[in-house]
Amino acid sequence: MKKRTRIILIALAALLVVGCASMWYLYKSRSPVATGFRRWAKTVLVNMGVRSKGDSLDGARDALPNGWELVEDDVIGFALGLPAGVERVETAATGIAVFEGEGLKATISREWSVEADAKQYASFYFNRFVLDADFREANGVTLIENVSGADFDRVQVRLDDYETDGEHTYDTYIYAHFFTATPAFYRVMVKYDSSAPVAEHLPSAVNETFRSYRGQDIKPSTQKFHPSANPNWSDETRVMYERICNTDEVLWGIYTGYMDTEGIDTEIPAMEEKIGYDFDALLYYVPIMYDDCRIPFPRELMEKAYADGKIVELTYQLTGTNNEFLLEESHMLTIYKDGDSEMIRRFAREAIAFGHPFLFRLNNEMNSDWTNYSGVVNMQDPDIFVEVWRLIYEIFEEEGVDNAIWIWNPHDRSYPPAEWTNYLTYYPGDEYVQMLGITGYNNGTYYAQRNNEYWREFDEIYGEIVRELGGSFDAFPWIITEFASSSHGGDKVKWIDGMFANLDKYENIKIAVWFSYADFDENGVAARTYWLDETEETLAAFARGREN
């Protein structure tokens, strides 16, 4: 009897261990099985907090203004009253529903709070810029209303000095959130022309007609995109692009601090001598402004790199504060309102004068909340990013730039992790992009408590990126525009060894650029230690891996 009891207890303990291990795997793993399970579980939890469709729609049609209709989406699980004649807009991002009609465009999504208080989460991570008086004053935004109830909130703002008689006519935004008994909530964003007839009923109609009901598992996008080589490229630019596309081995690039002085003059040559390899590419950052001064095209650095046979990945960012003070003027919004920019035209003319090909990465990591040009900062509207991207591309074309290869570069993890700020909502279109930029760091564990950061191996990071982007962008040449491993929380040498052991699996990756610097905390301590030459062992690991 005792023996049988002991066997049963051992079996139960084994089942408990296996069960816990399985749950941990399903919670943390980036595999298709685990991510699919998490999507399914989230849908189940969401549906616990909402009614069935039939029960939910009671009274919705009675609340419609004259001439309005109820639009529905059974995947996201909602119904909303909008003016008759609106049409659904097909999007690559599968977690949003978009409708457009005369004088308005509506985007609806089912979101998930990663914090206990969903209302506070939405207020901070979504609305904090439009609700900040300093941001509104710096960017010509007027707060019209900020109302809140037990299970909803609604904010309405207007873009001042924005013409509404041209192609783009939406000067006013409504942001409404509808909360459930679970961490799930629904976001309705309607942008509209304040002078259009629809303006009279929109704010109240959003609240009175919106209904949520049980939705479905939101599947990843299956849309495929294809790069478009610029027919106006110079012969030299076309040759460089073809070389990148056809390379059988990864071309390595590097970034160091003070790139245009100590970096290119001493630090990089010293590393190259130690590893016995000359880097193929350099990364350089150019903000549009700094300290109220226009930043010119870095001609001297570009010519020095060209003379050394190196490709430059030139990162151009619409920021005046190096992305440090997000409540100040957004150059993205300024260009969006004006529809042109003499500063960018001058930069384009300077690029022509350089006369040789370069990689042009515009406004990287836009699907975040830490850049001046992100969707969160700029009216919570990824369309603004897309329109400004296309405008800058067209300015380059008009000015005759024939030596820029354009890189579109979202971050590997959207933040906040919302459906409406999914990387696909920022894609400007095949005719505006020639390379896919990918970015994924092993941040280490310095901020484990504050930011929930944890050690991530190279294959974990880039395996997930491939699962997210590969199906849609596998026709593109890929560049790891910047990446590195910290040394806090793990073995950096083994991380580099693992990188080289797995790199061959990723055939689309043509260039990889190591960010050899650090992120510092508020006390000046190196929190994320990314230096490639942090130790002799890390540099030796890179040399060893590249040779093999």
Protein backbone atom coordinates (compact mmCIF):
# COMPACT_ATOMS: atom_id res chain seq x y z
CA MET A 1 0.00 0.00 0.00
CA LYS A 2 2.76 2.42 0.99
CA LYS A 3 4.66 1.55 -2.16
CA ARG A 4 1.62 2.25 -4.36
CA THR A 5 1.00 5.56 -2.56
CA ARG A 6 4.62 6.52 -3.08
CA ILE A 7 4.37 5.69 -6.80
CA ILE A 8 1.21 7.80 -7.12
CA LEU A 9 2.84 10.74 -5.33
CA ILE A 10 5.92 10.48 -7.55
CA ALA A 11 3.70 10.36 -10.64
CA LEU A 12 1.71 13.39 -9.45
CA ALA A 13 4.92 15.28 -8.71
CA ALA A 14 6.23 14.41 -12.16
CA LEU A 15 2.99 15.60 -13.75
CA LEU A 16 3.20 18.83 -11.76
CA VAL A 17 6.76 19.44 -12.91
CA VAL A 18 5.87 18.67 -16.54
CA GLY A 19 2.77 20.85 -16.27
CA CYS A 20 4.69 23.79 -14.83
CA ALA A 21 7.43 23.40 -17.43
CA SER A 22 4.80 23.27 -20.20
CA MET A 23 3.03 26.37 -18.90
CA TRP A 24 6.34 28.22 -18.65
CA TYR A 25 7.16 27.18 -22.22
CA LEU A 26 3.76 28.35 -23.49
CA TYR A 27 4.17 31.62 -21.60
CA LYS A 28 7.72 32.49 -22.67
CA SER A 29 8.49 30.62 -25.89
CA ARG A 30 8.44 32.39 -29.26
CA SER A 31 7.63 29.19 -31.14
CA PRO A 32 4.56 29.11 -33.42
CA VAL A 33 2.87 26.62 -31.06
CA ALA A 34 3.39 28.81 -27.99
CA THR A 35 2.45 32.09 -29.69
CA GLY A 36 -0.63 30.47 -31.19
CA PHE A 37 -1.64 29.16 -27.77
CA ARG A 38 -1.22 32.60 -26.22
CA ARG A 39 -3.40 34.19 -28.91
CA TRP A 40 -6.08 31.57 -28.34
CA ALA A 41 -5.94 31.94 -24.54
CA LYS A 42 -6.17 35.73 -24.81
CA THR A 43 -9.25 35.40 -27.03
CA VAL A 44 -10.88 33.08 -24.50
CA LEU A 45 -10.20 35.57 -21.69
CA VAL A 46 -11.49 38.46 -23.78
CA ASN A 47 -14.72 36.65 -24.53
CA MET A 48 -15.30 36.05 -20.82
CA GLY A 49 -15.80 39.80 -20.44
CA VAL A 50 -18.22 40.44 -23.32
CA ARG A 51 -21.62 39.22 -24.40
CA SER A 52 -22.63 37.31 -27.50
CA LYS A 53 -23.28 39.29 -30.66
CA GLY A 54 -27.06 38.98 -30.51
CA ASP A 55 -27.27 40.20 -26.93
CA SER A 56 -24.73 42.95 -27.44
CA LEU A 57 -26.38 44.66 -30.41
CA ASP A 58 -29.61 45.38 -28.56
CA GLY A 59 -30.37 49.05 -28.93
CA ALA A 60 -27.37 49.86 -31.13
CA ARG A 61 -29.42 50.55 -34.25
CA ASP A 62 -31.92 52.60 -32.31
CA ALA A 63 -29.08 54.94 -31.34
CA LEU A 64 -28.01 55.61 -34.94
CA PRO A 65 -28.40 59.18 -36.21
CA ASN A 66 -30.41 59.57 -39.41
CA GLY A 67 -28.45 58.41 -42.43
CA TRP A 68 -26.02 56.31 -40.43
CA GLU A 69 -25.42 52.56 -40.49
CA LEU A 70 -23.93 49.94 -38.20
CA VAL A 71 -20.59 48.48 -39.33
CA GLU A 72 -19.50 45.19 -37.78
CA ASP A 73 -16.44 42.98 -37.45
CA ASP A 74 -16.86 39.44 -36.15
CA VAL A 75 -13.10 38.80 -35.68
CA ILE A 76 -12.34 41.76 -33.46
CA GLY A 77 -15.90 41.59 -32.11
CA PHE A 78 -17.55 45.01 -32.37
CA ALA A 79 -20.24 47.10 -34.01
CA LEU A 80 -20.09 50.85 -34.49
CA GLY A 81 -22.36 53.46 -36.02
CA LEU A 82 -20.84 55.42 -38.92
CA PRO A 83 -22.30 57.56 -41.72
CA ALA A 84 -23.89 55.56 -44.55
CA GLY A 85 -21.57 54.90 -47.45
CA VAL A 86 -18.38 54.22 -45.49
CA GLU A 87 -16.28 51.47 -46.97
CA ARG A 88 -13.96 49.03 -45.31
CA VAL A 89 -10.28 49.62 -46.13
CA GLU A 90 -8.18 46.51 -46.56
CA THR A 91 -5.07 46.56 -44.37
CA ALA A 92 -2.05 44.31 -43.93
CA ALA A 93 -2.38 44.52 -40.14
CA THR A 94 -4.97 41.94 -39.14
CA GLY A 95 -5.75 43.30 -35.66
CA ILE A 96 -7.44 46.49 -36.84
CA ALA A 97 -10.58 47.29 -38.79
CA VAL A 98 -10.51 50.48 -40.87
CA PHE A 99 -13.47 52.27 -42.45
CA GLU A 100 -13.35 55.40 -44.57
CA GLY A 101 -16.03 57.65 -45.95
CA GLU A 102 -16.63 61.25 -46.86
CA GLY A 103 -14.92 63.40 -44.26
CA LEU A 104 -13.75 60.65 -41.86
CA LYS A 105 -11.62 57.58 -41.27
CA ALA A 106 -12.18 55.19 -38.36
CA THR A 107 -9.76 52.59 -36.95
CA ILE A 108 -11.04 50.07 -34.40
CA SER A 109 -8.99 47.47 -32.51
CA ARG A 110 -9.23 45.11 -29.56
CA GLU A 111 -6.38 45.83 -27.20
CA TRP A 112 -4.92 44.16 -24.13
CA SER A 113 -3.60 45.92 -21.06
CA VAL A 114 -0.31 44.56 -19.73
CA GLU A 115 -1.00 46.34 -16.45
CA ALA A 116 -3.69 45.67 -13.86
CA ASP A 117 -5.58 48.92 -14.47
CA ALA A 118 -6.55 48.96 -18.15
CA LYS A 119 -7.98 52.45 -17.95
CA GLN A 120 -4.80 53.90 -16.50
CA TYR A 121 -2.75 51.91 -19.00
CA ALA A 122 -4.65 53.34 -21.98
CA SER A 123 -4.52 56.85 -20.57
CA PHE A 124 -0.75 56.77 -20.14
CA TYR A 125 0.53 54.67 -23.02
CA PHE A 126 -1.93 55.90 -25.64
CA ASN A 127 -3.16 59.37 -24.62
CA ARG A 128 -0.32 60.89 -22.65
CA PHE A 129 0.97 63.11 -25.44
CA VAL A 130 -2.32 64.56 -26.62
CA LEU A 131 -3.28 65.14 -22.98
CA ASP A 132 -0.03 66.94 -22.14
CA ALA A 133 -0.37 70.75 -22.25
CA ASP A 134 3.31 71.27 -23.14
CA PHE A 135 3.10 68.87 -26.08
CA ARG A 136 -0.09 70.51 -27.35
CA GLU A 137 1.39 73.99 -27.12
CA ALA A 138 4.61 72.95 -28.88
CA ASN A 139 2.73 71.26 -31.72
CA GLY A 140 -0.40 73.32 -32.26
CA VAL A 141 -2.90 70.83 -30.85
CA THR A 142 -6.13 71.95 -29.14
CA LEU A 143 -7.87 69.79 -26.54
CA ILE A 144 -11.61 69.81 -27.21
CA GLU A 145 -12.82 67.30 -24.64
CA ASN A 146 -11.59 64.76 -22.11
CA VAL A 147 -14.47 62.80 -20.63
CA SER A 148 -14.54 59.58 -18.67
CA GLY A 149 -17.12 57.18 -17.31
CA ALA A 150 -17.10 53.93 -15.37
CA ASP A 151 -16.25 51.78 -18.41
CA PHE A 152 -15.09 54.27 -21.06
CA ASP A 153 -13.02 57.36 -21.75
CA ARG A 154 -13.04 59.72 -24.70
CA VAL A 155 -10.58 62.41 -25.77
CA GLN A 156 -11.02 64.78 -28.68
CA VAL A 157 -8.31 67.07 -30.09
CA ARG A 158 -7.77 69.26 -33.14
CA LEU A 159 -4.64 69.95 -35.19
CA ASP A 160 -4.36 73.72 -35.54
CA ASP A 161 -3.08 75.39 -38.73
CA TYR A 162 -3.85 72.32 -40.80
CA GLU A 163 -5.58 72.92 -44.11
CA THR A 164 -8.61 70.72 -44.74
CA ASP A 165 -9.28 71.58 -48.38
CA GLY A 166 -6.52 69.47 -49.89
CA GLU A 167 -6.01 65.74 -50.35
CA HIS A 168 -5.69 65.10 -46.60
CA THR A 169 -8.64 66.53 -44.77
CA TYR A 170 -8.61 65.12 -41.25
CA ASP A 171 -7.82 67.79 -38.68
CA THR A 172 -9.76 66.44 -35.67
CA TYR A 173 -9.31 63.20 -33.72
CA ILE A 174 -11.52 61.23 -31.35
CA TYR A 175 -9.92 58.55 -29.18
CA ALA A 176 -12.43 56.38 -27.33
CA HIS A 177 -11.68 53.37 -25.13
CA PHE A 178 -14.30 50.88 -23.97
CA PHE A 179 -13.28 48.67 -21.06
CA THR A 180 -14.41 45.16 -20.12
CA ALA A 181 -14.24 42.99 -17.01
CA THR A 182 -10.93 41.57 -18.31
CA PRO A 183 -7.63 43.22 -19.34
CA ALA A 184 -9.13 43.52 -22.84
CA PHE A 185 -10.49 46.85 -24.03
CA TYR A 186 -11.54 48.33 -27.35
CA ARG A 187 -10.01 51.37 -29.01
CA VAL A 188 -11.92 53.52 -31.47
CA MET A 189 -9.98 56.27 -33.24
CA VAL A 190 -11.91 58.46 -35.64
CA LYS A 191 -10.20 61.28 -37.50
CA TYR A 192 -12.38 63.67 -39.44
CA ASP A 193 -12.73 67.02 -41.14
CA SER A 194 -14.13 69.41 -38.52
CA SER A 195 -16.01 71.31 -41.25
CA ALA A 196 -17.74 68.21 -42.65
CA PRO A 197 -21.41 67.43 -41.88
CA VAL A 198 -20.38 64.28 -39.97
CA ALA A 199 -18.72 66.42 -37.29
CA GLU A 200 -22.00 67.27 -35.59
CA HIS A 201 -22.85 63.74 -34.47
CA LEU A 202 -19.51 61.95 -34.27
CA PRO A 203 -18.41 62.30 -30.61
CA SER A 204 -21.70 61.27 -29.06
CA ALA A 205 -22.50 58.68 -31.73
CA VAL A 206 -19.24 56.83 -31.05
CA ASN A 207 -20.24 56.27 -27.42
CA GLU A 208 -23.92 55.60 -28.05
CA THR A 209 -23.53 53.10 -30.89
CA PHE A 210 -20.36 51.19 -30.03
CA ARG A 211 -20.96 47.59 -28.94
CA SER A 212 -18.46 44.82 -28.23
CA TYR A 213 -19.17 41.13 -28.50
CA ARG A 214 -17.33 37.82 -28.59
CA GLY A 215 -14.63 37.86 -31.22
CA GLN A 216 -12.18 35.39 -32.67
CA ASP A 217 -8.48 34.60 -32.62
CA ILE A 218 -6.70 37.29 -34.65
CA LYS A 219 -4.42 35.46 -37.08
CA PRO A 220 -1.09 36.89 -38.31
CA SER A 221 -1.01 38.65 -41.66
CA THR A 222 -0.45 36.58 -44.81
CA GLN A 223 0.06 39.55 -47.15
CA LYS A 224 3.31 39.51 -49.12
CA PHE A 225 5.36 42.54 -50.12
CA HIS A 226 8.06 42.96 -52.76
CA PRO A 227 10.92 45.47 -52.96
CA SER A 228 10.94 47.94 -55.80
CA ALA A 229 14.35 48.96 -57.17
CA ASN A 230 14.34 52.65 -58.03
CA PRO A 231 14.41 53.08 -61.84
CA ASN A 232 16.18 56.43 -61.35
CA TRP A 233 19.19 54.98 -59.54
CA SER A 234 22.67 55.66 -60.86
CA ASP A 235 24.57 52.69 -62.30
CA GLU A 236 26.84 52.67 -59.23
CA THR A 237 23.85 52.54 -56.89
CA ARG A 238 22.24 49.72 -58.83
CA VAL A 239 25.48 47.72 -58.73
CA MET A 240 25.73 48.17 -54.95
CA TYR A 241 22.12 47.06 -54.46
CA GLU A 242 22.62 43.97 -56.60
CA ARG A 243 25.82 43.16 -54.72
CA ILE A 244 23.92 43.30 -51.42
CA CYS A 245 21.01 41.24 -52.72
CA ASN A 246 23.27 38.55 -54.19
CA THR A 247 25.88 38.21 -51.46
CA ASP A 248 26.30 34.67 -50.15
CA GLU A 249 27.81 35.76 -46.84
CA VAL A 250 26.84 38.38 -44.30
CA LEU A 251 28.51 41.76 -44.71
CA TRP A 252 29.43 43.11 -41.28
CA GLY A 253 29.02 46.67 -40.13
CA ILE A 254 29.90 48.59 -36.96
CA TYR A 255 28.84 51.62 -34.93
CA THR A 256 30.90 53.24 -32.20
CA GLY A 257 30.49 56.38 -30.14
CA TYR A 258 31.78 59.61 -31.72
CA MET A 259 31.67 57.89 -35.08
CA ASP A 260 32.87 60.84 -37.16
CA THR A 261 35.98 61.45 -35.02
CA GLU A 262 37.49 58.82 -32.71
CA GLY A 263 35.22 56.12 -34.11
CA ILE A 264 36.22 56.17 -37.75
CA ASP A 265 39.75 57.41 -37.06
CA THR A 266 40.95 55.15 -34.24
CA GLU A 267 38.39 52.81 -32.60
CA ILE A 268 37.24 50.99 -35.72
CA PRO A 269 40.74 50.61 -37.25
CA ALA A 270 41.96 49.22 -33.90
CA MET A 271 39.18 46.61 -33.85
CA GLU A 272 39.78 45.74 -37.49
CA GLU A 273 43.45 45.14 -36.83
CA LYS A 274 42.71 42.85 -33.88
CA ILE A 275 40.13 40.74 -35.68
CA GLY A 276 41.90 40.75 -39.04
CA TYR A 277 38.84 41.97 -40.89
CA ASP A 278 37.77 45.31 -42.36
CA PHE A 279 34.13 46.06 -41.68
CA ASP A 280 31.99 46.41 -44.80
CA ALA A 281 29.59 49.00 -43.40
CA LEU A 282 29.31 51.87 -40.93
CA LEU A 283 26.23 53.17 -39.12
CA TYR A 284 25.79 56.90 -38.67
CA TYR A 285 22.91 58.93 -37.19
CA VAL A 286 21.72 62.33 -38.38
CA PRO A 287 18.87 64.17 -36.62
CA ILE A 288 17.06 66.76 -38.73
CA MET A 289 17.82 69.42 -36.12
CA TYR A 290 19.91 69.79 -32.99
CA ASP A 291 19.92 72.78 -30.66
CA ASP A 292 17.68 74.58 -33.19
CA CYS A 293 20.31 74.16 -35.92
CA ARG A 294 19.82 72.21 -39.14
CA ILE A 295 22.11 69.19 -39.39
CA PRO A 296 23.67 68.91 -42.85
CA PHE A 297 24.47 65.81 -44.84
CA PRO A 298 27.69 64.32 -43.32
CA ARG A 299 29.78 64.78 -46.46
CA GLU A 300 33.21 64.42 -44.85
CA LEU A 301 32.40 61.15 -43.09
CA MET A 302 30.70 59.76 -46.19
CA GLU A 303 33.70 60.51 -48.39
CA LYS A 304 36.12 59.02 -45.85
CA ALA A 305 34.04 55.84 -45.63
CA TYR A 306 33.74 55.64 -49.43
CA ALA A 307 37.50 55.98 -49.81
CA ASP A 308 37.88 53.06 -47.36
CA GLY A 309 35.45 50.94 -49.40
CA LYS A 310 32.73 50.97 -46.73
CA ILE A 311 28.96 51.23 -47.17
CA VAL A 312 27.31 53.82 -44.93
CA GLU A 313 23.96 53.11 -43.33
CA LEU A 314 22.82 56.71 -42.88
CA THR A 315 20.04 56.96 -40.31
CA TYR A 316 18.02 60.16 -40.74
CA GLN A 317 15.64 60.97 -37.90
CA LEU A 318 12.99 63.68 -37.64
CA THR A 319 14.01 64.77 -34.17
CA GLY A 320 15.41 67.96 -32.76
CA THR A 321 16.37 66.47 -29.40
CA ASN A 322 17.99 63.13 -30.28
CA ASN A 323 14.70 61.52 -29.22
CA GLU A 324 15.25 62.67 -25.64
CA PHE A 325 12.49 65.25 -25.13
CA LEU A 326 9.34 63.86 -26.65
CA LEU A 327 7.04 66.64 -25.43
CA GLU A 328 8.76 69.27 -27.56
CA GLU A 329 8.13 70.09 -31.21
CA SER A 330 7.50 67.12 -33.47
CA HIS A 331 9.15 67.75 -36.84
CA MET A 332 7.02 64.91 -38.14
CA LEU A 333 3.85 66.91 -37.41
CA THR A 334 5.37 70.11 -38.78
CA ILE A 335 6.17 68.46 -42.13
CA TYR A 336 2.79 66.70 -42.13
CA LYS A 337 1.01 70.05 -41.74
CA ASP A 338 3.19 71.96 -44.22
CA GLY A 339 3.33 69.26 -46.87
CA ASP A 340 6.96 70.08 -47.67
CA SER A 341 10.30 70.85 -46.04
CA GLU A 342 13.12 73.05 -47.33
CA MET A 343 15.45 71.42 -44.78
CA ILE A 344 14.86 68.01 -46.33
CA ARG A 345 15.24 69.41 -49.84
CA ARG A 346 18.63 70.85 -48.89
CA PHE A 347 19.64 67.52 -47.35
CA ALA A 348 18.60 65.79 -50.59
CA ARG A 349 20.68 68.17 -52.71
CA GLU A 350 23.68 67.57 -50.44
CA ALA A 351 23.18 63.80 -50.89
CA ILE A 352 23.32 64.26 -54.66
CA ALA A 353 26.53 66.27 -54.34
CA PHE A 354 28.14 63.36 -52.47
CA GLY A 355 27.58 61.38 -55.64
CA HIS A 356 27.97 57.79 -54.38
CA PRO A 357 25.48 55.18 -53.12
CA PHE A 358 24.50 54.85 -49.48
CA LEU A 359 21.85 53.08 -47.42
CA PHE A 360 19.17 55.47 -46.20
CA ARG A 361 17.33 54.44 -43.03
CA LEU A 362 14.53 56.92 -42.30
CA ASN A 363 12.88 57.17 -38.88
CA ASN A 364 13.71 53.74 -37.49
CA GLU A 365 11.77 52.10 -34.63
CA MET A 366 8.63 54.08 -35.34
CA ASN A 367 6.43 51.42 -33.72
CA SER A 368 7.58 52.54 -30.28
CA ASP A 369 7.02 55.29 -27.74
CA TRP A 370 10.66 56.45 -27.45
CA THR A 371 11.11 58.33 -30.75
CA ASN A 372 9.89 61.82 -31.68
CA TYR A 373 8.44 60.48 -34.93
CA SER A 374 6.59 57.45 -33.54
CA GLY A 375 2.90 56.89 -34.01
CA VAL A 376 2.20 57.19 -30.28
CA VAL A 377 3.77 60.66 -30.17
CA ASN A 378 2.20 61.86 -33.40
CA MET A 379 -1.53 61.86 -32.79
CA GLN A 380 -1.61 58.06 -32.28
CA ASP A 381 -1.87 57.88 -36.06
CA PRO A 382 0.52 55.66 -38.08
CA ASP A 383 -0.94 57.21 -41.25
CA ILE A 384 1.05 60.36 -40.46
CA PHE A 385 4.30 58.35 -40.51
CA VAL A 386 3.34 56.79 -43.85
CA GLU A 387 2.38 60.10 -45.44
CA VAL A 388 5.57 61.85 -44.29
CA TRP A 389 7.71 58.90 -45.47
CA ARG A 390 6.15 59.10 -48.92
CA LEU A 391 6.53 62.88 -48.97
CA ILE A 392 10.27 62.67 -48.16
CA TYR A 393 10.73 59.94 -50.75
CA GLU A 394 9.02 62.13 -53.36
CA ILE A 395 11.16 65.13 -52.33
CA PHE A 396 14.27 63.02 -52.94
CA GLU A 397 12.91 62.02 -56.34
CA GLU A 398 12.04 65.60 -57.28
CA GLU A 399 15.51 66.79 -56.27
CA GLY A 400 17.11 64.02 -58.33
CA VAL A 401 18.61 61.83 -55.60
CA ASP A 402 19.84 58.73 -57.43
CA ASN A 403 22.13 57.23 -54.79
CA ALA A 404 19.88 56.39 -51.80
CA ILE A 405 18.76 52.80 -51.05
CA TRP A 406 15.79 53.08 -48.68
CA ILE A 407 15.50 50.92 -45.56
CA TRP A 408 12.23 50.57 -43.67
CA ASN A 409 13.01 49.52 -40.11
CA PRO A 410 10.43 48.75 -37.39
CA HIS A 411 11.54 47.58 -33.95
CA ASP A 412 11.25 43.86 -33.26
CA ARG A 413 8.75 44.51 -30.45
CA SER A 414 6.07 47.17 -30.82
CA TYR A 415 5.64 49.33 -27.75
CA PRO A 416 3.11 49.77 -26.42
CA PRO A 417 2.23 46.25 -27.61
CA ALA A 418 -0.98 47.35 -29.30
CA GLU A 419 -2.75 46.21 -32.45
CA TRP A 420 -3.10 49.76 -33.79
CA THR A 421 0.67 50.35 -33.56
CA ASN A 422 1.62 47.00 -35.12
CA TYR A 423 4.61 47.40 -37.44
CA LEU A 424 2.48 46.74 -40.54
CA THR A 425 0.41 49.88 -39.92
CA TYR A 426 3.59 51.89 -40.70
CA TYR A 427 4.51 50.23 -43.98
CA PRO A 428 4.67 52.93 -46.69
CA GLY A 429 4.29 50.60 -49.69
CA ASP A 430 6.52 48.54 -51.98
CA GLU A 431 7.38 51.46 -54.28
CA TYR A 432 8.96 53.34 -51.36
CA VAL A 433 11.20 50.62 -49.86
CA GLN A 434 14.17 48.62 -51.16
CA MET A 435 15.44 46.87 -48.01
CA LEU A 436 13.90 45.56 -44.81
CA GLY A 437 15.66 46.69 -41.66
CA ILE A 438 15.36 44.55 -38.55
CA THR A 439 16.48 45.40 -35.03
CA GLY A 440 16.65 43.13 -32.03
CA TYR A 441 18.96 43.52 -29.03
CA ASN A 442 19.80 41.22 -26.18
CA ASN A 443 19.28 43.95 -23.58
CA GLY A 444 20.51 41.77 -20.73
CA THR A 445 19.05 41.92 -17.22
CA TYR A 446 20.16 45.28 -15.81
CA TYR A 447 16.55 46.49 -16.06
CA ALA A 448 14.93 43.18 -15.18
CA GLN A 449 12.82 44.68 -12.39
CA ARG A 450 12.04 48.03 -13.99
CA ASN A 451 11.41 46.97 -17.60
CA ASN A 452 10.96 43.21 -17.32
CA GLU A 453 14.02 42.72 -19.53
CA TYR A 454 15.58 39.29 -19.70
CA TRP A 455 18.45 37.56 -21.44
CA ARG A 456 17.60 36.63 -25.04
CA GLU A 457 19.82 34.53 -27.27
CA PHE A 458 20.41 35.58 -30.89
CA ASP A 459 18.36 32.71 -32.28
CA GLU A 460 15.44 33.53 -29.99
CA ILE A 461 15.40 37.16 -31.09
CA TYR A 462 15.81 36.64 -34.80
CA GLY A 463 13.79 33.45 -34.97
CA GLU A 464 10.84 35.45 -33.68
CA ILE A 465 11.52 38.28 -36.14
CA VAL A 466 11.52 35.79 -39.01
CA ARG A 467 8.24 34.28 -37.79
CA GLU A 468 6.70 37.76 -37.58
CA LEU A 469 8.09 39.30 -40.78
CA GLY A 470 9.34 36.46 -42.94
CA GLY A 471 6.06 35.51 -44.54
CA SER A 472 5.38 39.09 -45.60
CA PHE A 473 8.90 40.30 -46.39
CA ASP A 474 10.88 37.25 -47.49
CA ALA A 475 11.29 38.79 -50.97
CA PHE A 476 13.40 41.61 -49.50
CA PRO A 477 17.10 41.75 -48.73
CA TRP A 478 17.34 42.17 -44.94
CA ILE A 479 19.77 44.23 -42.91
CA ILE A 480 20.19 44.00 -39.16
CA THR A 481 20.49 47.76 -38.95
CA GLU A 482 21.78 47.71 -35.38
CA PHE A 483 22.06 45.01 -32.75
CA ALA A 484 24.28 43.72 -29.96
CA SER A 485 24.37 41.74 -26.76
CA SER A 486 24.79 43.19 -23.31
CA SER A 487 27.02 41.44 -20.79
CA HIS A 488 24.70 41.94 -17.79
CA GLY A 489 22.98 38.69 -16.92
CA GLY A 490 24.75 36.13 -19.07
CA ASP A 491 27.80 35.04 -21.02
CA LYS A 492 28.41 37.46 -23.89
CA VAL A 493 31.12 35.29 -25.46
CA LYS A 494 28.72 32.34 -25.67
CA TRP A 495 26.06 34.67 -27.07
CA ILE A 496 28.40 35.66 -29.90
CA ASP A 497 29.31 32.00 -30.48
CA GLY A 498 25.60 31.17 -30.66
CA MET A 499 25.02 34.02 -33.09
CA PHE A 500 27.53 32.67 -35.57
CA ALA A 501 26.30 29.10 -35.05
CA ASN A 502 22.77 30.11 -36.10
CA LEU A 503 23.32 32.94 -38.57
CA ASP A 504 23.39 30.72 -41.64
CA LYS A 505 19.72 29.84 -41.06
CA TYR A 506 18.69 33.39 -41.93
CA GLU A 507 19.33 33.58 -45.67
CA ASN A 508 17.61 36.95 -46.10
CA ILE A 509 20.08 38.69 -43.78
CA LYS A 510 22.66 40.33 -46.04
CA ILE A 511 24.19 42.89 -43.66
CA ALA A 512 24.51 42.93 -39.86
CA VAL A 513 25.67 46.04 -37.98
CA TRP A 514 26.97 45.70 -34.42
CA PHE A 515 26.15 48.65 -32.14
CA SER A 516 29.41 48.89 -30.19
CA TYR A 517 28.46 51.34 -27.49
CA ALA A 518 26.25 51.31 -24.37
CA ASP A 519 23.00 52.60 -22.93
CA PHE A 520 23.56 54.45 -19.68
CA ASP A 521 21.23 54.81 -16.70
CA GLU A 522 20.31 58.11 -15.04
CA ASN A 523 23.50 57.99 -12.96
CA GLY A 524 25.79 57.49 -15.93
CA VAL A 525 26.33 53.78 -15.28
CA ALA A 526 26.55 51.56 -18.37
CA ALA A 527 23.29 49.65 -18.06
CA ARG A 528 23.33 47.82 -21.37
CA THR A 529 26.95 47.11 -22.23
CA TYR A 530 26.95 46.57 -25.98
CA TRP A 531 30.62 47.16 -26.80
CA LEU A 532 31.95 44.56 -29.20
CA ASP A 533 35.44 45.06 -27.79
CA GLU A 534 34.22 45.05 -24.18
CA THR A 535 36.85 42.40 -23.46
CA GLU A 536 39.55 40.68 -25.43
CA GLU A 537 37.40 37.53 -25.25
CA THR A 538 34.33 39.14 -26.86
CA LEU A 539 36.39 40.53 -29.72
CA ALA A 540 38.14 37.18 -30.16
CA ALA A 541 34.75 35.41 -30.26
CA PHE A 542 33.65 37.70 -33.10
CA ALA A 543 36.90 37.13 -35.00
CA ARG A 544 36.63 33.36 -34.49
CA GLY A 545 33.01 33.21 -35.60
CA ARG A 546 33.51 35.35 -38.68
CA GLU A 547 36.47 33.26 -39.85
CA ASN A 548 34.45 30.06 -39.57
